[in-house]
N, C-alpha and C. Protein backbone atom coordinates (compact mmCIF):
# COMPACT_ATOMS: atom_id res chain seq x y z
N MET A 1 9.01 17.36 1.86
CA MET A 1 9.06 16.42 0.77
C MET A 1 10.34 16.64 -0.01
N ASN A 2 11.05 15.57 -0.30
CA ASN A 2 12.28 15.62 -1.07
C ASN A 2 11.92 15.61 -2.55
N THR A 3 12.18 16.71 -3.24
CA THR A 3 11.81 16.78 -4.64
C THR A 3 13.04 16.59 -5.50
N MET A 4 12.86 15.88 -6.60
CA MET A 4 13.94 15.63 -7.54
C MET A 4 13.61 16.33 -8.85
N ASN A 5 14.65 16.73 -9.55
CA ASN A 5 14.45 17.33 -10.86
C ASN A 5 14.34 16.21 -11.88
N LEU A 6 13.09 15.82 -12.19
CA LEU A 6 12.87 14.69 -13.08
C LEU A 6 13.11 15.05 -14.54
N ASN A 7 13.29 16.34 -14.86
CA ASN A 7 13.56 16.74 -16.23
C ASN A 7 14.95 16.34 -16.68
N SER A 8 15.89 16.27 -15.76
CA SER A 8 17.26 15.98 -16.14
C SER A 8 17.66 14.53 -15.89
N VAL A 9 16.83 13.76 -15.19
CA VAL A 9 17.16 12.38 -14.86
C VAL A 9 15.94 11.51 -15.13
N SER A 10 16.18 10.39 -15.81
CA SER A 10 15.11 9.42 -15.98
C SER A 10 14.93 8.65 -14.68
N ILE A 11 13.71 8.35 -14.34
CA ILE A 11 13.49 7.57 -13.11
C ILE A 11 14.18 6.21 -13.19
N PHE A 12 14.41 5.73 -14.39
CA PHE A 12 15.06 4.43 -14.56
C PHE A 12 16.57 4.51 -14.31
N ASP A 13 17.10 5.71 -14.26
CA ASP A 13 18.52 5.91 -13.98
C ASP A 13 18.79 6.11 -12.49
N LEU A 14 17.74 6.22 -11.71
CA LEU A 14 17.91 6.44 -10.28
C LEU A 14 18.42 5.18 -9.59
N SER A 15 19.11 5.38 -8.49
CA SER A 15 19.56 4.25 -7.67
C SER A 15 18.36 3.67 -6.93
N PRO A 16 18.46 2.44 -6.44
CA PRO A 16 17.34 1.88 -5.67
C PRO A 16 16.89 2.77 -4.50
N PRO A 17 17.81 3.34 -3.70
CA PRO A 17 17.33 4.22 -2.62
C PRO A 17 16.61 5.46 -3.16
N GLU A 18 17.07 6.01 -4.29
CA GLU A 18 16.40 7.17 -4.88
C GLU A 18 15.01 6.79 -5.40
N LYS A 19 14.89 5.60 -5.98
CA LYS A 19 13.59 5.13 -6.46
C LYS A 19 12.63 4.96 -5.29
N LEU A 20 13.12 4.40 -4.20
CA LEU A 20 12.27 4.23 -3.02
C LEU A 20 11.83 5.59 -2.48
N GLN A 21 12.73 6.56 -2.49
CA GLN A 21 12.37 7.89 -2.01
C GLN A 21 11.31 8.51 -2.92
N LEU A 22 11.44 8.31 -4.22
CA LEU A 22 10.45 8.82 -5.17
C LEU A 22 9.08 8.20 -4.92
N VAL A 23 9.05 6.89 -4.72
CA VAL A 23 7.79 6.20 -4.44
C VAL A 23 7.19 6.73 -3.14
N GLU A 24 8.03 6.93 -2.13
CA GLU A 24 7.54 7.45 -0.85
C GLU A 24 6.97 8.86 -1.03
N ASP A 25 7.66 9.69 -1.81
CA ASP A 25 7.17 11.05 -2.05
C ASP A 25 5.84 11.03 -2.78
N ILE A 26 5.70 10.17 -3.76
CA ILE A 26 4.44 10.06 -4.51
C ILE A 26 3.33 9.57 -3.58
N TRP A 27 3.63 8.55 -2.77
CA TRP A 27 2.64 8.01 -1.84
C TRP A 27 2.18 9.08 -0.86
N ASP A 28 3.14 9.84 -0.31
CA ASP A 28 2.79 10.90 0.64
C ASP A 28 1.91 11.95 -0.01
N ASP A 29 2.20 12.27 -1.26
CA ASP A 29 1.39 13.25 -1.99
C ASP A 29 -0.03 12.74 -2.18
N LEU A 30 -0.18 11.49 -2.56
CA LEU A 30 -1.51 10.90 -2.72
C LEU A 30 -2.25 10.82 -1.38
N ALA A 31 -1.54 10.46 -0.34
CA ALA A 31 -2.16 10.31 0.99
C ALA A 31 -2.63 11.64 1.55
N ALA A 32 -2.06 12.73 1.07
CA ALA A 32 -2.45 14.06 1.56
C ALA A 32 -3.88 14.40 1.17
N THR A 33 -4.35 13.83 0.06
CA THR A 33 -5.73 14.10 -0.40
C THR A 33 -6.37 12.78 -0.84
N PRO A 34 -6.70 11.91 0.13
CA PRO A 34 -7.25 10.60 -0.24
C PRO A 34 -8.56 10.68 -1.00
N SER A 35 -9.29 11.75 -0.83
CA SER A 35 -10.55 11.86 -1.56
C SER A 35 -10.33 12.03 -3.06
N ASP A 36 -9.13 12.41 -3.46
CA ASP A 36 -8.81 12.56 -4.88
C ASP A 36 -8.39 11.25 -5.54
N VAL A 37 -8.12 10.24 -4.73
CA VAL A 37 -7.68 8.95 -5.27
C VAL A 37 -8.91 8.15 -5.66
N PRO A 38 -9.02 7.78 -6.93
CA PRO A 38 -10.22 7.06 -7.35
C PRO A 38 -10.29 5.65 -6.77
N VAL A 39 -11.49 5.27 -6.36
CA VAL A 39 -11.75 3.90 -5.91
C VAL A 39 -12.81 3.36 -6.86
N HIS A 40 -12.45 2.30 -7.55
CA HIS A 40 -13.35 1.73 -8.55
C HIS A 40 -14.49 0.96 -7.89
N GLU A 41 -15.58 0.85 -8.60
CA GLU A 41 -16.76 0.17 -8.07
C GLU A 41 -16.45 -1.28 -7.70
N TRP A 42 -15.64 -1.96 -8.50
CA TRP A 42 -15.31 -3.35 -8.20
C TRP A 42 -14.51 -3.44 -6.91
N GLN A 43 -13.69 -2.42 -6.60
CA GLN A 43 -12.94 -2.42 -5.35
C GLN A 43 -13.88 -2.23 -4.16
N LYS A 44 -14.84 -1.33 -4.31
CA LYS A 44 -15.82 -1.12 -3.24
C LYS A 44 -16.62 -2.39 -2.97
N LYS A 45 -17.01 -3.09 -4.05
CA LYS A 45 -17.77 -4.34 -3.88
C LYS A 45 -16.93 -5.40 -3.19
N GLU A 46 -15.66 -5.49 -3.57
CA GLU A 46 -14.78 -6.49 -2.94
C GLU A 46 -14.57 -6.17 -1.46
N LEU A 47 -14.39 -4.91 -1.12
CA LEU A 47 -14.25 -4.53 0.28
C LEU A 47 -15.52 -4.84 1.07
N ALA A 48 -16.67 -4.56 0.48
CA ALA A 48 -17.94 -4.86 1.14
C ALA A 48 -18.10 -6.37 1.33
N ARG A 49 -17.70 -7.16 0.33
CA ARG A 49 -17.79 -8.61 0.44
C ARG A 49 -16.91 -9.12 1.57
N ARG A 50 -15.68 -8.62 1.63
CA ARG A 50 -14.76 -9.06 2.67
C ARG A 50 -15.25 -8.65 4.06
N LYS A 51 -15.78 -7.43 4.16
CA LYS A 51 -16.29 -6.97 5.46
C LYS A 51 -17.46 -7.83 5.89
N ALA A 52 -18.37 -8.14 4.97
CA ALA A 52 -19.53 -8.98 5.29
C ALA A 52 -19.07 -10.36 5.74
N ASN A 53 -18.07 -10.90 5.08
CA ASN A 53 -17.53 -12.22 5.44
C ASN A 53 -16.95 -12.18 6.85
N LEU A 54 -16.20 -11.13 7.16
CA LEU A 54 -15.61 -11.02 8.48
C LEU A 54 -16.68 -10.81 9.56
N MET A 55 -17.69 -10.01 9.25
CA MET A 55 -18.75 -9.75 10.23
C MET A 55 -19.58 -11.01 10.51
N SER A 56 -19.77 -11.83 9.48
CA SER A 56 -20.57 -13.04 9.68
C SER A 56 -19.75 -14.17 10.30
N SER A 57 -18.45 -14.08 10.18
CA SER A 57 -17.58 -15.12 10.73
C SER A 57 -16.31 -14.48 11.28
N PRO A 58 -16.41 -13.80 12.43
CA PRO A 58 -15.26 -13.08 12.98
C PRO A 58 -14.03 -13.95 13.21
N ALA A 59 -14.23 -15.21 13.48
CA ALA A 59 -13.09 -16.10 13.73
C ALA A 59 -12.28 -16.38 12.47
N SER A 60 -12.83 -16.02 11.31
CA SER A 60 -12.11 -16.26 10.06
C SER A 60 -10.97 -15.27 9.85
N GLY A 61 -10.99 -14.16 10.58
CA GLY A 61 -9.94 -13.15 10.45
C GLY A 61 -8.73 -13.51 11.29
N LEU A 62 -7.62 -12.84 11.00
CA LEU A 62 -6.39 -13.04 11.75
C LEU A 62 -6.04 -11.76 12.49
N SER A 63 -5.42 -11.92 13.65
CA SER A 63 -4.93 -10.75 14.36
C SER A 63 -3.70 -10.21 13.63
N TRP A 64 -3.38 -8.95 13.87
CA TRP A 64 -2.20 -8.35 13.25
C TRP A 64 -0.94 -9.12 13.68
N ASP A 65 -0.87 -9.55 14.93
CA ASP A 65 0.28 -10.32 15.39
C ASP A 65 0.42 -11.63 14.62
N GLU A 66 -0.70 -12.29 14.34
CA GLU A 66 -0.65 -13.54 13.58
C GLU A 66 -0.22 -13.28 12.13
N VAL A 67 -0.71 -12.22 11.55
CA VAL A 67 -0.31 -11.88 10.18
C VAL A 67 1.20 -11.65 10.14
N LYS A 68 1.72 -10.87 11.07
CA LYS A 68 3.17 -10.60 11.10
C LYS A 68 3.95 -11.89 11.30
N ARG A 69 3.47 -12.76 12.20
CA ARG A 69 4.18 -14.01 12.46
C ARG A 69 4.26 -14.86 11.20
N ARG A 70 3.14 -14.97 10.46
CA ARG A 70 3.12 -15.76 9.23
C ARG A 70 4.06 -15.19 8.16
N ILE A 71 4.06 -13.89 8.04
CA ILE A 71 4.93 -13.26 7.04
C ILE A 71 6.39 -13.49 7.41
N ARG A 72 6.70 -13.29 8.68
CA ARG A 72 8.09 -13.47 9.12
C ARG A 72 8.54 -14.92 8.97
N SER A 73 7.65 -15.87 9.25
CA SER A 73 8.04 -17.27 9.12
C SER A 73 8.23 -17.65 7.66
N ARG A 74 7.44 -17.04 6.78
CA ARG A 74 7.55 -17.32 5.35
C ARG A 74 8.81 -16.70 4.74
N TYR A 75 9.16 -15.49 5.19
CA TYR A 75 10.26 -14.77 4.58
C TYR A 75 11.49 -14.62 5.47
N GLY A 76 11.45 -15.28 6.62
CA GLY A 76 12.62 -15.34 7.48
C GLY A 76 13.05 -14.03 8.10
N ARG A 77 12.11 -13.18 8.42
CA ARG A 77 12.49 -11.91 9.05
C ARG A 77 11.86 -11.78 10.40
């Protein structure tokens, strides 16, 4: 993990690549212990609702390839 001395530099003074690295470091730290990341009750209910919808109507979901195609066509990548 690339650690920065945040005592001497404000995160707002960082360059865009440094900010991205900081976000990546924070994300990696959180991902190391997912059980410590709180999941709110409303999030659990929404996930259950979406799963139930997909299970009752599997054709309503999109394949990962279709999702990527739509994103690329929308944003030109």
